[in-house]
N, C-alpha and C. Protein backbone atom coordinates (compact mmCIF):
# COMPACT_ATOMS: atom_id res chain seq x y z
N UNK A 1 36.00 3.77 15.56
CA UNK A 1 35.22 3.94 14.96
C UNK A 1 34.89 4.55 13.46
N UNK A 2 35.24 5.89 13.16
CA UNK A 2 35.31 6.70 12.45
C UNK A 2 36.41 5.84 11.39
N UNK A 3 37.68 5.95 12.22
CA UNK A 3 38.27 5.30 10.32
C UNK A 3 37.77 3.80 10.55
N UNK A 4 37.24 2.84 10.96
CA UNK A 4 36.87 1.73 10.13
C UNK A 4 35.61 2.25 9.22
N UNK A 5 34.96 3.20 9.72
CA UNK A 5 33.54 3.10 8.97
C UNK A 5 34.15 4.14 7.81
N UNK A 6 35.26 4.58 7.60
CA UNK A 6 35.91 5.17 6.42
C UNK A 6 36.47 4.28 5.64
N UNK A 7 36.68 3.07 6.27
CA UNK A 7 37.87 2.24 5.20
C UNK A 7 37.42 1.57 4.83
N UNK A 8 35.65 0.74 5.55
CA UNK A 8 34.72 0.27 4.89
C UNK A 8 33.81 0.52 4.02
N UNK A 9 34.09 2.40 3.60
CA UNK A 9 33.58 2.87 2.80
C UNK A 9 34.34 3.19 1.60
N UNK A 10 35.69 3.04 1.64
CA UNK A 10 36.64 3.56 0.48
C UNK A 10 36.61 1.72 0.36
N UNK A 11 36.58 0.31 0.93
CA UNK A 11 36.47 -0.47 0.12
C UNK A 11 35.29 -0.77 -0.51
N UNK A 12 33.92 -0.15 -0.08
CA UNK A 12 32.71 -0.93 -1.00
C UNK A 12 33.06 0.11 -2.31
N UNK A 13 34.02 1.26 -2.50
CA UNK A 13 33.90 1.96 -3.53
C UNK A 13 34.74 1.82 -4.33
N UNK A 14 35.17 0.81 -4.36
CA UNK A 14 36.13 -0.03 -5.31
C UNK A 14 36.05 -1.03 -5.86
N UNK A 15 34.65 -1.61 -5.38
CA UNK A 15 33.84 -2.51 -6.25
C UNK A 15 33.02 -2.36 -7.46
N UNK A 16 33.19 -2.75 -8.28
CA UNK A 16 32.51 -2.33 -9.85
C UNK A 16 30.60 -2.24 -9.75
N UNK A 17 30.30 -0.62 -10.65
CA UNK A 17 28.64 -0.30 -10.29
C UNK A 17 28.07 -0.55 -11.42
N UNK A 18 26.86 0.39 -11.67
CA UNK A 18 26.56 -0.62 -12.59
C UNK A 18 26.13 -0.03 -13.82
N UNK A 19 25.17 -0.10 -14.79
CA UNK A 19 25.65 1.17 -15.60
C UNK A 19 24.03 1.94 -15.38
N UNK A 20 24.29 3.64 -15.51
CA UNK A 20 23.10 4.48 -15.73
C UNK A 20 21.61 3.56 -15.55
N UNK A 21 21.50 4.17 -15.06
CA UNK A 21 19.85 3.74 -14.92
C UNK A 21 18.83 4.43 -13.13
N UNK A 22 17.86 4.47 -13.83
CA UNK A 22 16.76 4.94 -12.47
C UNK A 22 18.09 4.70 -10.84
N UNK A 23 17.77 3.37 -10.69
CA UNK A 23 18.74 3.02 -9.63
C UNK A 23 19.87 4.02 -8.86
N UNK A 24 20.63 4.04 -9.97
CA UNK A 24 21.63 4.33 -10.19
C UNK A 24 22.01 5.77 -9.65
N UNK A 25 20.86 7.03 -10.49
CA UNK A 25 21.09 8.38 -10.50
C UNK A 25 20.26 8.31 -9.14
N UNK A 26 19.22 7.17 -8.57
CA UNK A 26 18.77 7.23 -7.33
C UNK A 26 19.99 7.47 -5.93
N UNK A 27 21.06 6.40 -6.48
CA UNK A 27 22.39 6.52 -5.61
C UNK A 27 23.05 7.47 -5.68
N UNK A 28 23.62 7.87 -6.35
CA UNK A 28 24.03 9.14 -6.63
C UNK A 28 24.20 9.94 -5.53
N UNK A 29 22.07 10.37 -5.98
CA UNK A 29 21.85 11.23 -5.07
C UNK A 29 21.84 11.05 -4.01
N UNK A 30 21.65 9.97 -2.98
CA UNK A 30 22.27 9.56 -1.90
C UNK A 30 23.35 9.49 -1.43
N UNK A 31 24.46 9.08 -1.76
CA UNK A 31 25.43 9.94 -2.17
C UNK A 31 25.75 11.13 -1.53
N UNK A 32 25.36 12.05 -2.62
CA UNK A 32 25.82 13.22 -2.44
C UNK A 32 25.44 13.65 -1.47
N UNK A 33 24.14 13.88 -0.78
CA UNK A 33 23.81 14.17 -0.44
C UNK A 33 24.40 13.83 0.92
N UNK A 34 24.70 12.63 1.58
CA UNK A 34 24.71 12.06 2.73
C UNK A 34 26.42 12.81 2.42
N UNK A 35 27.06 13.00 1.53
CA UNK A 35 28.96 13.07 2.02
C UNK A 35 28.64 14.70 2.38
N UNK A 36 27.87 15.57 1.29
CA UNK A 36 27.39 16.99 1.76
C UNK A 36 27.30 17.51 3.21
N UNK A 37 26.54 16.29 3.77
CA UNK A 37 26.37 16.26 4.98
C UNK A 37 27.19 16.10 6.63
N UNK A 38 27.84 15.45 5.76
CA UNK A 38 29.51 14.54 6.53
C UNK A 38 28.82 13.49 7.22
N UNK A 39 27.94 12.27 6.77
CA UNK A 39 27.68 11.76 7.51
C UNK A 39 28.07 10.39 7.10
N UNK A 40 28.39 9.16 7.64
CA UNK A 40 28.68 8.30 6.76
C UNK A 40 27.87 6.50 7.00
N UNK A 41 28.16 6.01 6.35
CA UNK A 41 26.77 4.86 6.00
C UNK A 41 26.40 4.14 7.33
N UNK A 42 26.87 3.54 7.60
CA UNK A 42 26.51 3.71 9.37
C UNK A 42 25.59 4.66 9.81
N UNK A 43 25.64 5.67 10.01
CA UNK A 43 25.18 6.73 10.68
C UNK A 43 23.84 7.42 9.70
N UNK A 44 24.29 7.19 8.83
CA UNK A 44 22.45 7.45 7.81
C UNK A 44 21.42 6.58 8.05
N UNK A 45 21.94 4.89 7.84
CA UNK A 45 21.71 4.19 7.54
C UNK A 45 20.22 3.71 9.43
N UNK A 46 21.20 4.16 10.29
CA UNK A 46 20.70 3.69 11.61
C UNK A 46 19.52 4.57 11.68
N UNK A 47 19.53 6.26 11.21
CA UNK A 47 19.31 7.08 11.44
C UNK A 47 17.19 6.58 10.04
N UNK A 48 17.61 5.71 9.01
CA UNK A 48 16.60 5.51 8.40
C UNK A 48 15.94 4.86 8.30
N UNK A 49 16.98 3.65 9.53
CA UNK A 49 16.14 2.60 9.41
C UNK A 49 16.70 1.26 8.84
N UNK A 50 17.80 1.56 7.82
CA UNK A 50 18.17 0.51 7.18
C UNK A 50 19.48 0.17 7.02
N UNK A 51 19.98 -0.95 6.62
CA UNK A 51 21.22 -1.22 7.22
C UNK A 51 22.08 -0.70 6.19
N UNK A 52 23.91 -0.71 6.68
CA UNK A 52 25.03 -0.27 6.04
C UNK A 52 24.78 -0.32 5.01
N UNK A 53 24.92 -2.54 4.93
CA UNK A 53 25.56 -2.97 3.68
C UNK A 53 24.45 -2.60 2.64
N UNK A 54 22.66 -2.79 2.97
CA UNK A 54 21.97 -2.46 2.19
C UNK A 54 22.17 -1.54 1.03
N UNK A 55 22.48 -0.06 2.47
CA UNK A 55 22.67 1.26 2.02
C UNK A 55 23.76 1.78 0.69
N UNK A 56 24.84 1.12 1.71
CA UNK A 56 26.23 0.78 0.13
C UNK A 56 25.73 0.16 -1.28
N UNK A 57 25.15 -0.80 -1.00
CA UNK A 57 24.90 -0.91 -2.59
C UNK A 57 23.48 -0.79 -3.78
N UNK A 58 22.89 0.39 -2.02
CA UNK A 58 21.91 1.31 -3.18
C UNK A 58 22.48 2.74 -4.15
N UNK A 59 23.43 3.43 -3.23
CA UNK A 59 23.94 4.21 -3.42
C UNK A 59 24.75 4.29 -4.52
N UNK A 60 25.28 2.90 -5.02
CA UNK A 60 26.25 2.30 -5.89
C UNK A 60 24.91 1.85 -7.14
N UNK A 61 24.02 1.85 -7.32
CA UNK A 61 22.71 1.55 -8.27
C UNK A 61 22.72 -0.29 -7.79
N UNK A 62 23.40 -1.14 -6.86
CA UNK A 62 22.75 -2.39 -7.19
C UNK A 62 21.64 -2.47 -6.70
N UNK A 63 21.36 -2.37 -5.84
CA UNK A 63 19.97 -2.50 -4.39
C UNK A 63 19.46 -1.27 -5.07
N UNK A 64 17.69 -1.97 -4.99
CA UNK A 64 16.52 -0.05 -5.33
C UNK A 64 15.89 -0.55 -4.12
N UNK A 65 15.60 0.83 -4.32
CA UNK A 65 15.28 1.36 -3.28
C UNK A 65 13.20 1.07 -3.13
N UNK A 66 12.17 0.94 -2.63
CA UNK A 66 11.24 1.21 -3.01
C UNK A 66 11.09 2.48 -2.04
N UNK A 67 9.78 3.43 -2.66
CA UNK A 67 8.76 4.86 -2.32
C UNK A 67 9.07 4.44 -1.05
N UNK A 68 9.02 3.53 0.22
CA UNK A 68 8.19 3.88 0.80
C UNK A 68 10.68 4.57 2.32
N UNK A 69 10.92 3.46 1.05
CA UNK A 69 12.39 3.46 1.59
C UNK A 69 13.35 5.10 1.60
N UNK A 70 12.64 5.36 0.16
CA UNK A 70 12.96 6.50 -0.06
C UNK A 70 12.37 7.90 1.23
N UNK A 71 11.16 8.03 1.88
CA UNK A 71 10.96 8.94 2.29
C UNK A 71 11.29 8.73 3.42
N UNK A 72 11.97 7.64 3.49
CA UNK A 72 13.15 7.44 5.28
C UNK A 72 14.22 7.79 5.11
N UNK A 73 15.15 7.77 3.92
CA UNK A 73 16.25 8.57 3.51
C UNK A 73 16.22 9.90 3.22
N UNK A 74 14.83 10.40 2.81
CA UNK A 74 14.62 11.82 2.46
C UNK A 74 14.39 12.53 3.80
N UNK A 75 14.06 12.29 5.04
CA UNK A 75 13.54 12.64 5.67
C UNK A 75 14.87 12.65 6.75
N UNK A 76 15.92 11.59 6.49
CA UNK A 76 16.95 11.57 7.46
C UNK A 76 17.70 12.10 6.61
N UNK A 77 17.91 13.29 5.43
CA UNK A 77 18.92 13.68 4.90
C UNK A 77 18.00 14.71 4.89
N UNK A 78 16.85 15.24 5.59
CA UNK A 78 16.04 16.41 5.82
C UNK A 78 15.75 17.09 4.36
N UNK A 79 15.71 15.97 3.12
CA UNK A 79 15.34 17.16 1.77
C UNK A 79 13.97 15.95 1.60
N UNK A 80 13.26 16.98 0.63
CA UNK A 80 11.91 15.83 -0.06
C UNK A 80 12.64 15.27 -1.07
N UNK A 81 11.83 14.05 -1.27
CA UNK A 81 11.86 12.80 -1.38
C UNK A 81 12.29 12.45 -3.45
N UNK A 82 11.63 14.02 -4.01
CA UNK A 82 12.50 13.85 -4.95
C UNK A 82 13.77 14.84 -5.11
N UNK A 83 13.88 15.28 -4.30
CA UNK A 83 15.29 15.57 -4.67
C UNK A 83 16.24 14.11 -4.79
N UNK A 84 15.86 13.14 -4.20
CA UNK A 84 16.18 11.71 -4.19
C UNK A 84 16.20 11.62 -6.11
N UNK A 85 15.28 12.07 -7.03
CA UNK A 85 14.78 11.56 -8.07
C UNK A 85 15.20 12.46 -9.52
N UNK A 86 15.17 13.02 -9.53
CA UNK A 86 15.62 14.32 -10.58
C UNK A 86 14.07 15.06 -10.41
N UNK A 87 13.97 15.50 -11.92
CA UNK A 87 12.41 16.58 -12.11
C UNK A 87 12.44 17.18 -13.69
N UNK A 88 11.27 16.48 -13.40
CA UNK A 88 10.65 17.20 -14.91
C UNK A 88 9.11 17.94 -14.58
N UNK A 89 9.22 18.88 -16.53
CA UNK A 89 7.35 18.99 -15.97
C UNK A 89 7.12 20.41 -14.78
N UNK A 90 6.39 20.94 -15.01
CA UNK A 90 5.70 22.22 -14.29
C UNK A 90 4.32 21.28 -13.63
N UNK A 91 3.92 22.74 -12.26
CA UNK A 91 3.06 22.06 -12.17
C UNK A 91 2.03 22.88 -12.16
N UNK A 92 0.72 22.44 -12.59
CA UNK A 92 -0.38 23.31 -13.61
C UNK A 92 -1.34 23.88 -12.59
N UNK A 93 -2.15 25.34 -12.79
CA UNK A 93 -2.87 26.04 -12.38
C UNK A 93 -4.46 25.59 -12.09
N UNK A 94 -4.95 24.84 -12.93
CA UNK A 94 -6.23 24.72 -12.62
C UNK A 94 -6.65 24.30 -11.21
N UNK A 95 -7.96 23.81 -11.57
CA UNK A 95 -8.42 23.25 -9.96
C UNK A 95 -8.83 21.83 -10.38
N UNK A 96 -8.23 21.56 -11.73
CA UNK A 96 -8.98 19.52 -12.00
C UNK A 96 -7.96 19.35 -13.29
N UNK A 97 -7.92 17.99 -13.61
CA UNK A 97 -7.15 18.25 -14.47
C UNK A 97 -7.70 15.94 -14.97
N UNK A 98 -7.33 15.93 -15.96
CA UNK A 98 -8.59 14.85 -16.61
C UNK A 98 -6.65 14.01 -16.94
N UNK A 99 -6.88 13.26 -17.32
CA UNK A 99 -5.73 11.78 -17.68
C UNK A 99 -6.09 11.07 -18.17
N UNK A 100 -5.35 10.58 -19.82
CA UNK A 100 -5.57 9.57 -20.46
C UNK A 100 -4.60 8.59 -20.12
N UNK A 101 -5.07 7.24 -20.39
CA UNK A 101 -4.07 5.89 -20.63
C UNK A 101 -3.12 5.91 -21.64
N UNK A 102 -3.32 7.12 -22.06
CA UNK A 102 -2.53 7.58 -23.68
C UNK A 102 -1.44 8.41 -23.78
N UNK A 103 -1.82 9.24 -22.35
CA UNK A 103 -0.83 10.59 -22.29
C UNK A 103 0.51 10.02 -22.33
N UNK A 104 1.61 10.62 -23.06
CA UNK A 104 2.98 10.68 -23.22
C UNK A 104 3.63 11.28 -22.26
N UNK A 105 3.37 12.46 -21.26
CA UNK A 105 3.76 12.89 -20.56
C UNK A 105 3.82 12.60 -19.51
N UNK A 106 2.98 12.02 -18.81
CA UNK A 106 2.45 11.14 -17.01
C UNK A 106 3.89 10.51 -17.18
N UNK A 107 4.08 10.97 -15.68
CA UNK A 107 4.52 10.91 -14.54
C UNK A 107 5.44 9.28 -14.97
N UNK A 108 6.88 8.78 -15.04
CA UNK A 108 7.15 7.38 -14.72
C UNK A 108 8.26 6.89 -14.33
N UNK A 109 8.03 6.03 -13.04
CA UNK A 109 8.99 6.19 -12.63
C UNK A 109 9.49 4.39 -12.13
N UNK A 110 10.73 3.49 -12.31
CA UNK A 110 10.58 2.64 -12.55
C UNK A 110 12.08 2.27 -11.21
N UNK A 111 11.75 1.65 -10.09
CA UNK A 111 12.60 0.81 -9.29
C UNK A 111 12.62 0.31 -8.84
N UNK A 112 13.92 -1.00 -9.71
CA UNK A 112 13.84 -2.24 -8.72
C UNK A 112 12.62 -2.95 -9.33
N UNK A 113 11.97 -3.78 -8.68
CA UNK A 113 11.32 -4.94 -8.98
C UNK A 113 9.48 -4.17 -9.42
N UNK A 114 9.49 -2.18 -9.24
CA UNK A 114 8.82 -1.94 -9.21
C UNK A 114 8.90 -1.29 -9.94
N UNK A 115 7.53 -0.03 -10.62
CA UNK A 115 7.53 0.79 -12.07
C UNK A 115 6.05 1.45 -11.48
N UNK A 116 5.77 2.70 -11.25
CA UNK A 116 5.26 3.72 -11.23
C UNK A 116 4.66 4.39 -12.39
N UNK A 117 2.79 5.47 -12.46
CA UNK A 117 2.05 5.93 -13.37
C UNK A 117 1.76 6.51 -12.32
N UNK A 118 1.96 7.62 -12.26
CA UNK A 118 1.52 8.70 -11.13
C UNK A 118 0.39 9.04 -12.39
N UNK A 119 -0.42 8.96 -11.21
CA UNK A 119 -2.25 9.23 -12.07
C UNK A 119 -2.84 10.68 -11.97
N UNK A 120 -2.45 11.27 -10.36
CA UNK A 120 -3.15 12.37 -9.98
C UNK A 120 -2.18 13.44 -11.10
N UNK A 121 -2.81 14.28 -11.02
CA UNK A 121 -2.18 15.66 -11.61
C UNK A 121 -1.14 17.00 -10.59
N UNK A 122 -0.92 17.34 -11.69
CA UNK A 122 -0.10 18.71 -10.52
C UNK A 122 -0.97 19.61 -10.27
N UNK A 123 -1.53 19.56 -9.05
CA UNK A 123 -3.09 20.76 -8.84
C UNK A 123 -2.18 21.64 -7.83
N UNK A 124 -2.86 23.04 -7.45
CA UNK A 124 -2.12 23.85 -6.35
C UNK A 124 -2.45 23.17 -5.27
N UNK A 125 -1.47 23.54 -4.17
CA UNK A 125 -1.78 22.92 -2.89
C UNK A 125 -2.29 21.70 -2.89
N UNK A 126 -1.78 20.48 -3.82
CA UNK A 126 -1.99 18.71 -3.92
C UNK A 126 -1.46 18.20 -2.35
N UNK A 127 -2.78 17.28 -1.88
CA UNK A 127 -2.40 17.03 -0.94
C UNK A 127 -2.33 15.69 -1.20
N UNK A 128 -2.46 14.87 -1.95
CA UNK A 128 -2.34 13.58 -2.19
C UNK A 128 -1.90 12.74 -3.78
N UNK A 129 -1.23 11.67 -3.54
CA UNK A 129 -0.89 11.36 -4.85
C UNK A 129 -0.57 9.86 -5.14
N UNK A 130 -1.75 9.49 -6.09
CA UNK A 130 -1.59 8.33 -6.38
C UNK A 130 -1.34 7.74 -7.97
N UNK A 131 -0.33 6.29 -7.82
CA UNK A 131 0.60 6.03 -8.55
C UNK A 131 -0.07 4.19 -8.58
N UNK A 132 -0.36 3.76 -10.18
CA UNK A 132 -0.62 2.59 -10.86
C UNK A 132 1.07 2.42 -10.41
N UNK A 133 0.17 1.20 -10.08
CA UNK A 133 1.89 0.40 -9.36
C UNK A 133 1.85 -0.85 -10.01
N UNK A 134 3.30 -1.71 -10.71
CA UNK A 134 3.06 -3.51 -10.97
C UNK A 134 4.50 -3.30 -9.51
N UNK A 135 4.12 -4.93 -9.01
CA UNK A 135 5.11 -4.91 -8.81
C UNK A 135 6.29 -6.69 -9.26
N UNK A 136 7.01 -6.66 -9.66
CA UNK A 136 7.54 -7.97 -9.72
C UNK A 136 7.80 -8.70 -8.73
N UNK A 137 7.87 -10.61 -9.02
CA UNK A 137 8.22 -11.57 -8.24
C UNK A 137 9.48 -11.05 -8.34
N UNK A 138 9.71 -11.42 -6.37
CA UNK A 138 11.18 -11.88 -5.55
C UNK A 138 11.60 -12.32 -4.66
N UNK A 139 12.97 -12.55 -4.90
CA UNK A 139 13.03 -13.71 -3.50
C UNK A 139 12.43 -13.28 -2.36
N UNK A 140 12.81 -12.09 -1.84
CA UNK A 140 12.26 -11.67 -0.68
C UNK A 140 12.23 -10.74 -0.63
N UNK A 141 11.59 -9.73 0.49
CA UNK A 141 10.69 -8.81 0.35
C UNK A 141 11.82 -7.48 0.17
N UNK A 142 10.59 -6.44 0.58
CA UNK A 142 11.40 -4.63 0.52
C UNK A 142 11.69 -5.38 2.04
N UNK A 143 13.15 -3.79 1.79
CA UNK A 143 13.45 -3.13 3.28
C UNK A 143 12.14 -3.49 4.17
N UNK A 144 11.87 -3.30 5.32
CA UNK A 144 10.80 -3.10 6.50
C UNK A 144 11.67 -1.13 6.56
N UNK A 145 10.29 -0.65 6.29
CA UNK A 145 10.25 0.97 6.43
C UNK A 145 8.83 1.50 7.34
N UNK A 146 9.80 2.63 7.86
CA UNK A 146 8.30 3.72 8.70
C UNK A 146 8.49 5.15 7.77
N UNK A 147 7.14 5.72 8.31
CA UNK A 147 7.61 7.17 7.98
C UNK A 147 6.86 8.13 7.75
N UNK A 148 6.16 8.99 8.47
CA UNK A 148 5.50 10.41 8.75
C UNK A 148 4.12 9.61 7.68
N UNK A 149 2.85 10.12 7.72
CA UNK A 149 1.94 9.82 6.66
C UNK A 149 0.96 8.50 6.41
N UNK A 150 0.20 8.54 5.77
CA UNK A 150 -0.61 7.26 5.72
C UNK A 150 -0.88 6.92 3.90
N UNK A 151 -1.06 5.35 3.88
CA UNK A 151 -0.90 4.32 2.50
C UNK A 151 -2.05 4.37 2.50
N UNK A 152 -2.27 3.83 1.32
CA UNK A 152 -3.69 3.88 0.94
C UNK A 152 -3.89 2.01 -0.79
N UNK A 153 -3.40 1.14 0.27
CA UNK A 153 -3.72 -0.03 -1.77
C UNK A 153 -4.34 -0.88 -2.11
N UNK A 154 -4.96 -0.42 -2.59
CA UNK A 154 -5.86 -1.61 -4.28
C UNK A 154 -5.57 -2.35 -4.73
N UNK A 155 -5.19 -3.50 -4.71
CA UNK A 155 -4.79 -5.08 -5.65
C UNK A 155 -5.96 -4.89 -6.82
N UNK A 156 -5.37 -4.86 -8.51
CA UNK A 156 -6.14 -4.98 -9.36
C UNK A 156 -5.48 -6.22 -9.36
N UNK A 157 -4.66 -7.13 -9.84
CA UNK A 157 -4.42 -8.23 -10.20
C UNK A 157 -2.81 -8.55 -9.10
N UNK A 158 -3.14 -9.83 -9.66
CA UNK A 158 -1.72 -10.95 -9.00
C UNK A 158 -2.07 -10.62 -7.50
N UNK A 159 -0.99 -10.62 -6.78
CA UNK A 159 -0.66 -10.83 -5.44
C UNK A 159 0.50 -10.35 -4.64
N UNK A 160 -0.01 -9.70 -3.83
CA UNK A 160 0.87 -9.14 -2.88
C UNK A 160 0.91 -8.84 -1.42
N UNK A 161 1.87 -9.34 -1.09
CA UNK A 161 1.82 -9.58 0.49
C UNK A 161 2.72 -8.56 1.61
N UNK A 162 1.63 -8.31 2.27
CA UNK A 162 2.21 -6.81 3.30
C UNK A 162 2.42 -7.40 4.43
N UNK A 163 3.96 -7.47 5.45
CA UNK A 163 5.05 -7.49 6.10
C UNK A 163 4.64 -6.63 7.41
N UNK A 164 3.79 -6.82 8.34
CA UNK A 164 3.35 -5.65 9.52
C UNK A 164 3.24 -6.18 11.37
N UNK A 165 3.87 -5.81 11.83
CA UNK A 165 3.84 -5.93 13.01
C UNK A 165 3.60 -7.19 13.53
N UNK A 166 2.44 -7.49 13.44
CA UNK A 166 1.68 -8.61 14.03
C UNK A 166 1.14 -9.25 12.85
N UNK A 167 0.79 -9.35 11.65
CA UNK A 167 0.43 -9.85 10.72
C UNK A 167 1.11 -9.76 9.81
N UNK A 168 0.89 -10.90 8.36
CA UNK A 168 1.71 -10.67 7.36
C UNK A 168 0.10 -10.65 6.56
N UNK A 169 -0.32 -9.71 5.31
CA UNK A 169 -1.97 -9.47 5.43
C UNK A 169 -0.85 -9.83 3.76
N UNK A 170 -1.66 -10.99 3.28
CA UNK A 170 -1.40 -10.91 1.92
C UNK A 170 -3.26 -10.75 1.36
N UNK A 171 -2.94 -10.31 -0.05
CA UNK A 171 -3.78 -9.57 -0.45
C UNK A 171 -4.37 -9.42 -2.14
N UNK A 172 -4.91 -10.27 -2.72
CA UNK A 172 -5.61 -10.54 -3.71
C UNK A 172 -6.10 -9.51 -4.06
N UNK A 173 -7.06 -9.68 -5.69
CA UNK A 173 -7.63 -8.62 -7.08
C UNK A 173 -9.04 -8.59 -5.76
N UNK A 174 -9.13 -7.25 -5.26
CA UNK A 174 -10.43 -6.33 -4.82
C UNK A 174 -9.74 -6.63 -3.79
N UNK A 175 -9.19 -7.02 -2.84
CA UNK A 175 -8.41 -6.01 -1.35
C UNK A 175 -7.82 -4.98 -1.74
N UNK A 176 -8.09 -4.78 -0.18
CA UNK A 176 -7.18 -3.41 -0.36
C UNK A 176 -6.26 -3.30 1.17
N UNK A 177 -5.33 -2.16 1.77
CA UNK A 177 -5.04 -1.94 3.08
C UNK A 177 -5.42 -0.72 2.83
N UNK A 178 -4.74 0.17 4.30
CA UNK A 178 -5.11 1.08 4.61
C UNK A 178 -4.65 1.39 6.43
N UNK A 179 -3.40 1.87 5.99
CA UNK A 179 -2.65 2.06 6.84
C UNK A 179 -1.34 3.58 7.62
N UNK A 180 -1.62 3.48 8.54
CA UNK A 180 -0.21 4.60 8.67
C UNK A 180 0.61 4.20 8.53
N UNK A 181 1.35 4.87 7.86
CA UNK A 181 2.84 5.43 7.94
C UNK A 181 3.88 4.97 8.57
N UNK A 182 3.99 5.04 9.14
CA UNK A 182 4.14 5.40 10.56
C UNK A 182 4.38 3.79 11.30
N UNK A 183 3.13 2.71 10.93
CA UNK A 183 3.67 0.95 11.19
C UNK A 183 5.06 0.48 10.82
N UNK A 184 5.74 -0.23 10.90
CA UNK A 184 7.28 -0.19 10.50
C UNK A 184 6.53 -1.69 9.14
N UNK A 185 6.53 -1.65 7.86
CA UNK A 185 6.03 -2.41 6.93
C UNK A 185 6.57 -3.10 6.20
N UNK A 186 7.22 -3.63 5.50
CA UNK A 186 7.30 -4.09 3.29
C UNK A 186 6.40 -4.90 2.57
N UNK A 187 6.91 -4.69 2.18
CA UNK A 187 6.04 -5.54 1.06
C UNK A 187 6.49 -6.64 0.01
N UNK A 188 5.88 -7.43 -0.17
CA UNK A 188 6.70 -8.80 -1.10
C UNK A 188 5.46 -9.68 -1.94
N UNK A 189 6.07 -9.75 -3.25
CA UNK A 189 5.30 -10.16 -4.48
C UNK A 189 6.47 -11.11 -3.95
N UNK A 190 4.78 -12.79 -3.69
CA UNK A 190 5.54 -14.22 -3.66
C UNK A 190 4.57 -14.97 -4.67
N UNK A 191 4.21 -14.43 -5.38
CA UNK A 191 4.44 -15.45 -6.96
C UNK A 191 4.95 -15.26 -7.76
N UNK A 192 4.32 -15.37 -9.00
CA UNK A 192 5.32 -15.74 -9.97
C UNK A 192 4.60 -15.04 -10.76
N UNK A 193 3.62 -14.01 -10.65
CA UNK A 193 2.83 -13.14 -11.76
C UNK A 193 3.43 -11.99 -11.35
N UNK A 194 2.80 -10.93 -11.76
CA UNK A 194 3.44 -9.49 -11.64
C UNK A 194 2.44 -8.88 -11.11
N UNK A 195 2.49 -8.14 -9.95
CA UNK A 195 0.83 -7.68 -9.50
C UNK A 195 1.18 -6.56 -9.85
N UNK A 196 -0.45 -5.71 -10.26
CA UNK A 196 -0.61 -4.51 -10.11
C UNK A 196 -1.50 -3.90 -9.32
N UNK A 197 -1.33 -2.86 -8.86
CA UNK A 197 -2.46 -2.09 -7.43
C UNK A 197 -2.48 -0.47 -7.73
N UNK A 198 -3.05 -0.05 -7.27
CA UNK A 198 -3.62 1.17 -6.97
C UNK A 198 -2.95 1.90 -6.34
N UNK A 199 -1.95 2.70 -5.69
CA UNK A 199 -1.25 3.15 -4.58
C UNK A 199 -1.96 4.31 -4.13
N UNK A 200 -2.00 4.43 -2.48
CA UNK A 200 -2.19 6.17 -2.97
C UNK A 200 -2.12 6.34 -1.04
N UNK A 201 -1.11 7.89 -1.40
CA UNK A 201 -0.52 8.41 -0.09
C UNK A 201 -0.87 9.89 -0.21
N UNK A 202 -0.71 10.06 1.31
CA UNK A 202 -1.10 11.81 1.61
C UNK A 202 -0.35 12.12 0.90
N UNK A 203 0.42 12.83 0.49
CA UNK A 203 1.48 14.24 -0.23
C UNK A 203 2.02 14.00 -1.19
N UNK A 204 2.42 14.83 -1.90
CA UNK A 204 2.42 14.48 -4.38
C UNK A 204 4.07 13.34 -3.83
N UNK A 205 3.89 12.94 -3.49
CA UNK A 205 4.59 11.51 -3.30
C UNK A 205 6.59 11.78 -4.14
N UNK A 206 6.03 12.16 -5.64
CA UNK A 206 7.12 12.60 -7.05
C UNK A 206 7.52 13.78 -7.28
N UNK A 207 6.77 15.02 -6.35
CA UNK A 207 6.65 16.24 -6.88
C UNK A 207 6.90 17.28 -5.86
N UNK A 208 7.81 18.01 -6.08
CA UNK A 208 8.61 19.39 -5.55
C UNK A 208 7.79 20.98 -5.31
N UNK A 209 8.58 20.64 -3.81
CA UNK A 209 7.40 21.71 -3.25
C UNK A 209 7.45 22.95 -4.26
N UNK A 210 8.86 23.80 -5.17
CA UNK A 210 8.31 24.40 -6.47
C UNK A 210 7.72 23.93 -7.12
N UNK A 211 7.17 22.78 -7.47
CA UNK A 211 5.91 22.24 -8.41
C UNK A 211 6.48 21.40 -9.55
N UNK A 212 8.28 21.40 -9.68
CA UNK A 212 8.33 20.51 -10.79
C UNK A 212 8.06 18.64 -10.56
N UNK A 213 7.89 18.29 -11.12
CA UNK A 213 7.80 16.37 -10.38
C UNK A 213 8.33 15.96 -11.40
N UNK A 214 8.80 15.22 -10.59
CA UNK A 214 9.82 13.73 -11.03
C UNK A 214 9.66 13.23 -11.94
């Protein structure tokens, strides 16, 4: 079985890779951490609930990962999610912060069809993270994922579908959803317009324990 998996990885590594970019950087970090831990693609995929094929493409920067998939991968690799994203900036010491809409220092991240702008500041002992997120239309939904914590999403513009075990919740402007992240879920912008949402999670999603921020 091991020989077969190693052969599969060797064949996949011979396929062309995409140019450098956020997805490529994340993919390289995943592959490095996986290799350091002696894990095969199949083993890591089973641990985080993704397919080995999808994970292989993600490692080469061809497939983009959702933030929730990053959570699942980070948990499987036993690292903080930001270890997969890189870092810049330092945690502030003040107990409050005001963020302006045109602040050039606000952290931004683009992964596949999603672009995130961090609205919350770098407060000491921070407990939440709020993101202004745009989701481009896609033919297929994001991979189903689950992880610890909880999330809240409020739709500002467009339409976004949440695929849950018992239903598909289609949200329009003014609609929201609050759920435990351990519930298997995926999202899908099935329309023709970009969806704009506010997303809140119960942890500093893009920050390291030492205070650096992606």
